[in-house]
């Protein structure tokens, strides 16, 4: 038998399920799936716009027609 047999993987899977719980693992899987889907849609939109590889992305000013300038200040409790 090799170093990592099927029984090793089963024990590792059981330990991971005990540590994280099945609900947390299901949520992680759903989040990962939606991220991959969003990435694929972004690639398709980029290819449809013709701004794929080598294309220049428009600046924020070109996209919105306006520029917003702001300063973030730290709120301190008095």
PDB file of N, CA and C in Angstrom:
ATOM      1  N   UNK A   1       0.836  -1.183   0.000  1.00  0.00           N
ATOM      2  CA  UNK A   1       0.000   0.000   0.000  1.00  0.00           C
ATOM      3  C   UNK A   1       0.877   1.241   0.000  1.00  0.00           C
ATOM      4  N   UNK A   2       0.320   2.295  -0.585  1.00  0.00           N
ATOM      5  CA  UNK A   2       1.036   3.559  -0.622  1.00  0.00           C
ATOM      6  C   UNK A   2       0.958   4.290   0.703  1.00  0.00           C
ATOM      7  N   UNK A   3       1.564   5.418   0.737  1.00  0.00           N
ATOM      8  CA  UNK A   3       1.594   6.216   1.948  1.00  0.00           C
ATOM      9  C   UNK A   3       0.194   6.707   2.325  1.00  0.00           C
ATOM     10  N   UNK A   4      -0.598   7.101   1.343  1.00  0.00           N
ATOM     11  CA  UNK A   4      -1.941   7.636   1.596  1.00  0.00           C
ATOM     12  C   UNK A   4      -2.983   6.690   1.012  1.00  0.00           C
ATOM     13  N   UNK A   5      -3.475   5.788   1.814  1.00  0.00           N
ATOM     14  CA  UNK A   5      -4.504   4.863   1.349  1.00  0.00           C
ATOM     15  C   UNK A   5      -5.878   5.517   1.527  1.00  0.00           C
ATOM     16  N   UNK A   6      -6.906   4.844   1.085  1.00  0.00           N
ATOM     17  CA  UNK A   6      -8.274   5.361   1.185  1.00  0.00           C
ATOM     18  C   UNK A   6      -8.671   5.551   2.640  1.00  0.00           C
ATOM     19  N   UNK A   7      -8.168   4.705   3.538  1.00  0.00           N
ATOM     20  CA  UNK A   7      -8.521   4.815   4.953  1.00  0.00           C
ATOM     21  C   UNK A   7      -7.940   6.076   5.573  1.00  0.00           C
ATOM     22  N   UNK A   8      -6.767   6.481   5.124  1.00  0.00           N
ATOM     23  CA  UNK A   8      -6.192   7.734   5.607  1.00  0.00           C
ATOM     24  C   UNK A   8      -7.085   8.912   5.221  1.00  0.00           C
ATOM     25  N   UNK A   9      -7.552   8.918   3.977  1.00  0.00           N
ATOM     26  CA  UNK A   9      -8.394  10.022   3.500  1.00  0.00           C
ATOM     27  C   UNK A   9      -9.740  10.036   4.219  1.00  0.00           C
ATOM     28  N   UNK A  10     -10.279   8.875   4.525  1.00  0.00           N
ATOM     29  CA  UNK A  10     -11.550   8.812   5.255  1.00  0.00           C
ATOM     30  C   UNK A  10     -11.384   9.387   6.661  1.00  0.00           C
ATOM     31  N   UNK A  11     -10.303   9.030   7.321  1.00  0.00           N
ATOM     32  CA  UNK A  11     -10.048   9.562   8.669  1.00  0.00           C
ATOM     33  C   UNK A  11      -9.855  11.076   8.609  1.00  0.00           C
ATOM     34  N   UNK A  12      -9.119  11.565   7.636  1.00  0.00           N
ATOM     35  CA  UNK A  12      -8.911  13.010   7.483  1.00  0.00           C
ATOM     36  C   UNK A  12     -10.246  13.710   7.239  1.00  0.00           C
ATOM     37  N   UNK A  13     -11.092  13.146   6.394  1.00  0.00           N
ATOM     38  CA  UNK A  13     -12.402  13.723   6.109  1.00  0.00           C
ATOM     39  C   UNK A  13     -13.271  13.773   7.359  1.00  0.00           C
ATOM     40  N   UNK A  14     -13.263  12.728   8.146  1.00  0.00           N
ATOM     41  CA  UNK A  14     -14.048  12.694   9.385  1.00  0.00           C
ATOM     42  C   UNK A  14     -13.548  13.760  10.367  1.00  0.00           C
ATOM     43  N   UNK A  15     -12.245  13.913  10.482  1.00  0.00           N
ATOM     44  CA  UNK A  15     -11.687  14.919  11.386  1.00  0.00           C
ATOM     45  C   UNK A  15     -12.057  16.332  10.919  1.00  0.00           C
ATOM     46  N   UNK A  16     -11.973  16.583   9.618  1.00  0.00           N
ATOM     47  CA  UNK A  16     -12.347  17.894   9.085  1.00  0.00           C
ATOM     48  C   UNK A  16     -13.818  18.175   9.341  1.00  0.00           C
ATOM     49  N   UNK A  17     -14.676  17.170   9.154  1.00  0.00           N
ATOM     50  CA  UNK A  17     -16.112  17.361   9.398  1.00  0.00           C
ATOM     51  C   UNK A  17     -16.387  17.621  10.875  1.00  0.00           C
ATOM     52  N   UNK A  18     -15.645  16.989  11.770  1.00  0.00           N
ATOM     53  CA  UNK A  18     -15.825  17.226  13.200  1.00  0.00           C
ATOM     54  C   UNK A  18     -15.355  18.619  13.606  1.00  0.00           C
ATOM     55  N   UNK A  19     -14.270  19.072  13.017  1.00  0.00           N
ATOM     56  CA  UNK A  19     -13.728  20.387  13.377  1.00  0.00           C
ATOM     57  C   UNK A  19     -14.594  21.511  12.827  1.00  0.00           C
ATOM     58  N   UNK A  20     -14.944  21.453  11.548  1.00  0.00           N
ATOM     59  CA  UNK A  20     -15.657  22.554  10.905  1.00  0.00           C
ATOM     60  C   UNK A  20     -17.169  22.373  10.923  1.00  0.00           C
ATOM     61  N   UNK A  21     -17.645  21.170  10.931  1.00  0.00           N
ATOM     62  CA  UNK A  21     -19.077  20.923  10.854  1.00  0.00           C
ATOM     63  C   UNK A  21     -19.543  20.897   9.405  1.00  0.00           C
ATOM     64  N   UNK A  22     -20.588  20.154   9.134  1.00  0.00           N
ATOM     65  CA  UNK A  22     -21.049  19.999   7.760  1.00  0.00           C
ATOM     66  C   UNK A  22     -21.671  21.279   7.226  1.00  0.00           C
ATOM     67  N   UNK A  23     -22.335  22.061   8.084  1.00  0.00           N
ATOM     68  CA  UNK A  23     -22.969  23.296   7.622  1.00  0.00           C
ATOM     69  C   UNK A  23     -21.915  24.298   7.157  1.00  0.00           C
ATOM     70  N   UNK A  24     -20.846  24.428   7.920  1.00  0.00           N
ATOM     71  CA  UNK A  24     -19.773  25.361   7.555  1.00  0.00           C
ATOM     72  C   UNK A  24     -19.113  24.926   6.242  1.00  0.00           C
ATOM     73  N   UNK A  25     -18.885  23.621   6.083  1.00  0.00           N
ATOM     74  CA  UNK A  25     -18.282  23.126   4.844  1.00  0.00           C
ATOM     75  C   UNK A  25     -19.209  23.353   3.652  1.00  0.00           C
ATOM     76  N   UNK A  26     -20.520  23.183   3.855  1.00  0.00           N
ATOM     77  CA  UNK A  26     -21.483  23.410   2.786  1.00  0.00           C
ATOM     78  C   UNK A  26     -21.480  24.887   2.378  1.00  0.00           C
ATOM     79  N   UNK A  27     -21.408  25.782   3.358  1.00  0.00           N
ATOM     80  CA  UNK A  27     -21.364  27.216   3.064  1.00  0.00           C
ATOM     81  C   UNK A  27     -20.089  27.596   2.316  1.00  0.00           C
ATOM     82  N   UNK A  28     -18.979  27.009   2.716  1.00  0.00           N
ATOM     83  CA  UNK A  28     -17.714  27.278   2.032  1.00  0.00           C
ATOM     84  C   UNK A  28     -17.798  26.810   0.585  1.00  0.00           C
ATOM     85  N   UNK A  29     -18.378  25.636   0.366  1.00  0.00           N
ATOM     86  CA  UNK A  29     -18.531  25.118  -0.994  1.00  0.00           C
ATOM     87  C   UNK A  29     -19.427  25.993  -1.848  1.00  0.00           C
ATOM     88  N   UNK A  30     -20.529  26.477  -1.272  1.00  0.00           N
ATOM     89  CA  UNK A  30     -21.448  27.352  -2.012  1.00  0.00           C
ATOM     90  C   UNK A  30     -20.778  28.678  -2.350  1.00  0.00           C
ATOM     91  N   UNK A  31     -20.030  29.239  -1.402  1.00  0.00           N
ATOM     92  CA  UNK A  31     -19.325  30.494  -1.649  1.00  0.00           C
ATOM     93  C   UNK A  31     -18.266  30.333  -2.734  1.00  0.00           C
ATOM     94  N   UNK A  32     -17.550  29.237  -2.679  1.00  0.00           N
ATOM     95  CA  UNK A  32     -16.522  28.979  -3.684  1.00  0.00           C
ATOM     96  C   UNK A  32     -17.153  28.802  -5.062  1.00  0.00           C
ATOM     97  N   UNK A  33     -18.273  28.078  -5.122  1.00  0.00           N
ATOM     98  CA  UNK A  33     -18.958  27.869  -6.397  1.00  0.00           C
ATOM     99  C   UNK A  33     -19.465  29.173  -6.995  1.00  0.00           C
ATOM    100  N   UNK A  34     -20.043  30.046  -6.166  1.00  0.00           N
ATOM    101  CA  UNK A  34     -20.541  31.321  -6.681  1.00  0.00           C
ATOM    102  C   UNK A  34     -19.389  32.220  -7.118  1.00  0.00           C
ATOM    103  N   UNK A  35     -18.254  32.143  -6.434  1.00  0.00           N
ATOM    104  CA  UNK A  35     -17.092  32.938  -6.839  1.00  0.00           C
ATOM    105  C   UNK A  35     -16.569  32.480  -8.196  1.00  0.00           C
ATOM    106  N   UNK A  36     -16.522  31.174  -8.405  1.00  0.00           N
ATOM    107  CA  UNK A  36     -16.055  30.643  -9.686  1.00  0.00           C
ATOM    108  C   UNK A  36     -17.027  31.032 -10.795  1.00  0.00           C
ATOM    109  N   UNK A  37     -18.330  30.937 -10.517  1.00  0.00           N
ATOM    110  CA  UNK A  37     -19.338  31.331 -11.502  1.00  0.00           C
ATOM    111  C   UNK A  37     -19.208  32.804 -11.871  1.00  0.00           C
ATOM    112  N   UNK A  38     -19.028  33.659 -10.864  1.00  0.00           N
ATOM    113  CA  UNK A  38     -18.859  35.084 -11.118  1.00  0.00           C
ATOM    114  C   UNK A  38     -17.614  35.378 -11.929  1.00  0.00           C
ATOM    115  N   UNK A  39     -16.539  34.656 -11.645  1.00  0.00           N
ATOM    116  CA  UNK A  39     -15.300  34.823 -12.404  1.00  0.00           C
ATOM    117  C   UNK A  39     -15.500  34.442 -13.866  1.00  0.00           C
ATOM    118  N   UNK A  40     -16.188  33.324 -14.100  1.00  0.00           N
ATOM    119  CA  UNK A  40     -16.431  32.885 -15.482  1.00  0.00           C
ATOM    120  C   UNK A  40     -17.304  33.884 -16.229  1.00  0.00           C
ATOM    121  N   UNK A  41     -18.341  34.421 -15.562  1.00  0.00           N
ATOM    122  CA  UNK A  41     -19.196  35.420 -16.203  1.00  0.00           C
ATOM    123  C   UNK A  41     -18.411  36.685 -16.525  1.00  0.00           C
ATOM    124  N   UNK A  42     -17.515  37.082 -15.634  1.00  0.00           N
ATOM    125  CA  UNK A  42     -16.683  38.254 -15.878  1.00  0.00           C
ATOM    126  C   UNK A  42     -15.770  38.059 -17.072  1.00  0.00           C
ATOM    127  N   UNK A  43     -15.223  36.865 -17.203  1.00  0.00           N
ATOM    128  CA  UNK A  43     -14.362  36.568 -18.352  1.00  0.00           C
ATOM    129  C   UNK A  43     -15.174  36.620 -19.649  1.00  0.00           C
ATOM    130  N   UNK A  44     -16.391  36.060 -19.622  1.00  0.00           N
ATOM    131  CA  UNK A  44     -17.235  36.081 -20.821  1.00  0.00           C
ATOM    132  C   UNK A  44     -17.611  37.505 -21.202  1.00  0.00           C
ATOM    133  N   UNK A  45     -17.957  38.345 -20.208  1.00  0.00           N
ATOM    134  CA  UNK A  45     -18.307  39.740 -20.493  1.00  0.00           C
ATOM    135  C   UNK A  45     -17.104  40.495 -21.043  1.00  0.00           C
ATOM    136  N   UNK A  46     -15.938  40.210 -20.479  1.00  0.00           N
ATOM    137  CA  UNK A  46     -14.721  40.869 -20.940  1.00  0.00           C
ATOM    138  C   UNK A  46     -14.430  40.502 -22.394  1.00  0.00           C
ATOM    139  N   UNK A  47     -14.622  39.237 -22.726  1.00  0.00           N
ATOM    140  CA  UNK A  47     -14.375  38.792 -24.100  1.00  0.00           C
ATOM    141  C   UNK A  47     -15.409  39.382 -25.050  1.00  0.00           C
ATOM    142  N   UNK A  48     -16.655  39.527 -24.590  1.00  0.00           N
ATOM    143  CA  UNK A  48     -17.707  40.084 -25.442  1.00  0.00           C
ATOM    144  C   UNK A  48     -17.484  41.571 -25.692  1.00  0.00           C
ATOM    145  N   UNK A  49     -16.923  42.289 -24.724  1.00  0.00           N
ATOM    146  CA  UNK A  49     -16.660  43.715 -24.867  1.00  0.00           C
ATOM    147  C   UNK A  49     -15.432  43.985 -25.716  1.00  0.00           C
ATOM    148  N   UNK A  50     -14.638  42.964 -25.964  1.00  0.00           N
ATOM    149  CA  UNK A  50     -13.421  43.133 -26.736  1.00  0.00           C
ATOM    150  C   UNK A  50     -12.269  43.653 -25.897  1.00  0.00           C
ATOM    151  N   UNK A  51     -12.445  43.676 -24.593  1.00  0.00           N
ATOM    152  CA  UNK A  51     -11.373  44.165 -23.729  1.00  0.00           C
ATOM    153  C   UNK A  51     -10.675  43.004 -23.046  1.00  0.00           C
ATOM    154  N   UNK A  52     -10.504  41.937 -23.763  1.00  0.00           N
ATOM    155  CA  UNK A  52      -9.825  40.765 -23.217  1.00  0.00           C
ATOM    156  C   UNK A  52      -8.341  41.018 -23.112  1.00  0.00           C
ATOM    157  N   UNK A  53      -7.531  40.052 -23.454  1.00  0.00           N
ATOM    158  CA  UNK A  53      -6.087  40.190 -23.346  1.00  0.00           C
ATOM    159  C   UNK A  53      -5.605  41.295 -24.275  1.00  0.00           C
ATOM    160  N   UNK A  54      -4.738  42.126 -23.738  1.00  0.00           N
ATOM    161  CA  UNK A  54      -4.161  43.187 -24.548  1.00  0.00           C
ATOM    162  C   UNK A  54      -5.057  44.407 -24.659  1.00  0.00           C
ATOM    163  N   UNK A  55      -6.298  44.305 -24.250  1.00  0.00           N
ATOM    164  CA  UNK A  55      -7.207  45.441 -24.311  1.00  0.00           C
ATOM    165  C   UNK A  55      -6.976  46.363 -23.136  1.00  0.00           C
ATOM    166  N   UNK A  56      -7.225  47.649 -23.363  1.00  0.00           N
ATOM    167  CA  UNK A  56      -7.009  48.612 -22.289  1.00  0.00           C
ATOM    168  C   UNK A  56      -8.319  48.849 -21.563  1.00  0.00           C
ATOM    169  N   UNK A  57      -8.308  48.762 -20.245  1.00  0.00           N
ATOM    170  CA  UNK A  57      -9.496  48.974 -19.440  1.00  0.00           C
ATOM    171  C   UNK A  57      -9.779  50.461 -19.330  1.00  0.00           C
ATOM    172  N   UNK A  58     -11.047  50.866 -19.444  1.00  0.00           N
ATOM    173  CA  UNK A  58     -11.375  52.278 -19.293  1.00  0.00           C
ATOM    174  C   UNK A  58     -11.192  52.718 -17.849  1.00  0.00           C
ATOM    175  N   UNK A  59     -10.873  54.001 -17.672  1.00  0.00           N
ATOM    176  CA  UNK A  59     -10.667  54.510 -16.326  1.00  0.00           C
ATOM    177  C   UNK A  59     -12.010  54.699 -15.633  1.00  0.00           C
ATOM    178  N   UNK A  60     -11.970  54.975 -14.342  1.00  0.00           N
ATOM    179  CA  UNK A  60     -13.199  55.186 -13.570  1.00  0.00           C
ATOM    180  C   UNK A  60     -13.956  56.388 -14.102  1.00  0.00           C
ATOM    181  N   UNK A  61     -13.245  57.411 -14.490  1.00  0.00           N
ATOM    182  CA  UNK A  61     -13.889  58.613 -15.002  1.00  0.00           C
ATOM    183  C   UNK A  61     -14.636  58.311 -16.299  1.00  0.00           C
ATOM    184  N   UNK A  62     -14.072  57.497 -17.142  1.00  0.00           N
ATOM    185  CA  UNK A  62     -14.724  57.135 -18.394  1.00  0.00           C
ATOM    186  C   UNK A  62     -15.957  56.270 -18.157  1.00  0.00           C
ATOM    187  N   UNK A  63     -15.931  55.427 -17.140  1.00  0.00           N
ATOM    188  CA  UNK A  63     -17.066  54.558 -16.865  1.00  0.00           C
ATOM    189  C   UNK A  63     -18.241  55.322 -16.260  1.00  0.00           C
ATOM    190  N   UNK A  64     -17.984  56.163 -15.278  1.00  0.00           N
ATOM    191  CA  UNK A  64     -19.047  56.826 -14.543  1.00  0.00           C
ATOM    192  C   UNK A  64     -19.374  58.218 -15.068  1.00  0.00           C
ATOM    193  N   UNK A  65     -18.452  58.845 -15.725  1.00  0.00           N
ATOM    194  CA  UNK A  65     -18.681  60.198 -16.179  1.00  0.00           C
ATOM    195  C   UNK A  65     -18.396  61.224 -15.084  1.00  0.00           C
ATOM    196  N   UNK A  66     -18.018  60.786 -13.897  1.00  0.00           N
ATOM    197  CA  UNK A  66     -17.689  61.704 -12.807  1.00  0.00           C
ATOM    198  C   UNK A  66     -16.663  61.050 -11.893  1.00  0.00           C
ATOM    199  N   UNK A  67     -15.950  61.898 -11.175  1.00  0.00           N
ATOM    200  CA  UNK A  67     -14.954  61.414 -10.234  1.00  0.00           C
ATOM    201  C   UNK A  67     -15.339  61.878  -8.837  1.00  0.00           C
ATOM    202  N   UNK A  68     -15.257  60.977  -7.887  1.00  0.00           N
ATOM    203  CA  UNK A  68     -15.578  61.303  -6.504  1.00  0.00           C
ATOM    204  C   UNK A  68     -14.285  61.282  -5.713  1.00  0.00           C
ATOM    205  N   UNK A  69     -13.992  62.411  -5.061  1.00  0.00           N
ATOM    206  CA  UNK A  69     -12.789  62.517  -4.253  1.00  0.00           C
ATOM    207  C   UNK A  69     -13.223  62.611  -2.799  1.00  0.00           C
ATOM    208  N   UNK A  70     -12.681  61.761  -1.950  1.00  0.00           N
ATOM    209  CA  UNK A  70     -13.095  61.744  -0.553  1.00  0.00           C
ATOM    210  C   UNK A  70     -11.901  61.448   0.338  1.00  0.00           C
ATOM    211  N   UNK A  71     -12.059  61.793   1.617  1.00  0.00           N
ATOM    212  CA  UNK A  71     -11.029  61.522   2.600  1.00  0.00           C
ATOM    213  C   UNK A  71     -11.665  60.755   3.744  1.00  0.00           C
ATOM    214  N   UNK A  72     -11.005  59.700   4.177  1.00  0.00           N
ATOM    215  CA  UNK A  72     -11.517  58.881   5.269  1.00  0.00           C
ATOM    216  C   UNK A  72     -10.866  59.347   6.561  1.00  0.00           C
ATOM    217  N   UNK A  73     -11.705  59.651   7.549  1.00  0.00           N
ATOM    218  CA  UNK A  73     -11.202  60.088   8.842  1.00  0.00           C
ATOM    219  C   UNK A  73     -11.568  59.053   9.878  1.00  0.00           C
ATOM    220  N   UNK A  74     -10.660  58.852  10.828  1.00  0.00           N
ATOM    221  CA  UNK A  74     -10.894  57.884  11.894  1.00  0.00           C
ATOM    222  C   UNK A  74     -11.764  58.509  12.967  1.00  0.00           C
ATOM    223  N   UNK A  75     -12.829  57.818  13.351  1.00  0.00           N
ATOM    224  CA  UNK A  75     -13.732  58.309  14.373  1.00  0.00           C
ATOM    225  C   UNK A  75     -13.169  57.931  15.738  1.00  0.00           C
ATOM    226  N   UNK A  76     -13.036  58.906  16.609  1.00  0.00           N
ATOM    227  CA  UNK A  76     -12.529  58.644  17.947  1.00  0.00           C
ATOM    228  C   UNK A  76     -13.622  58.923  18.961  1.00  0.00           C
ATOM    229  N   UNK A  77     -13.713  58.064  19.965  1.00  0.00           N
ATOM    230  CA  UNK A  77     -14.712  58.242  21.014  1.00  0.00           C
ATOM    231  C   UNK A  77     -14.276  59.352  21.954  1.00  0.00           C
ATOM    232  N   UNK A  78     -15.214  60.230  22.294  1.00  0.00           N
ATOM    233  CA  UNK A  78     -14.902  61.362  23.192  1.00  0.00           C
ATOM    234  C   UNK A  78     -15.182  61.021  24.629  1.00  0.00           C
TER     235      UNK A  78
END
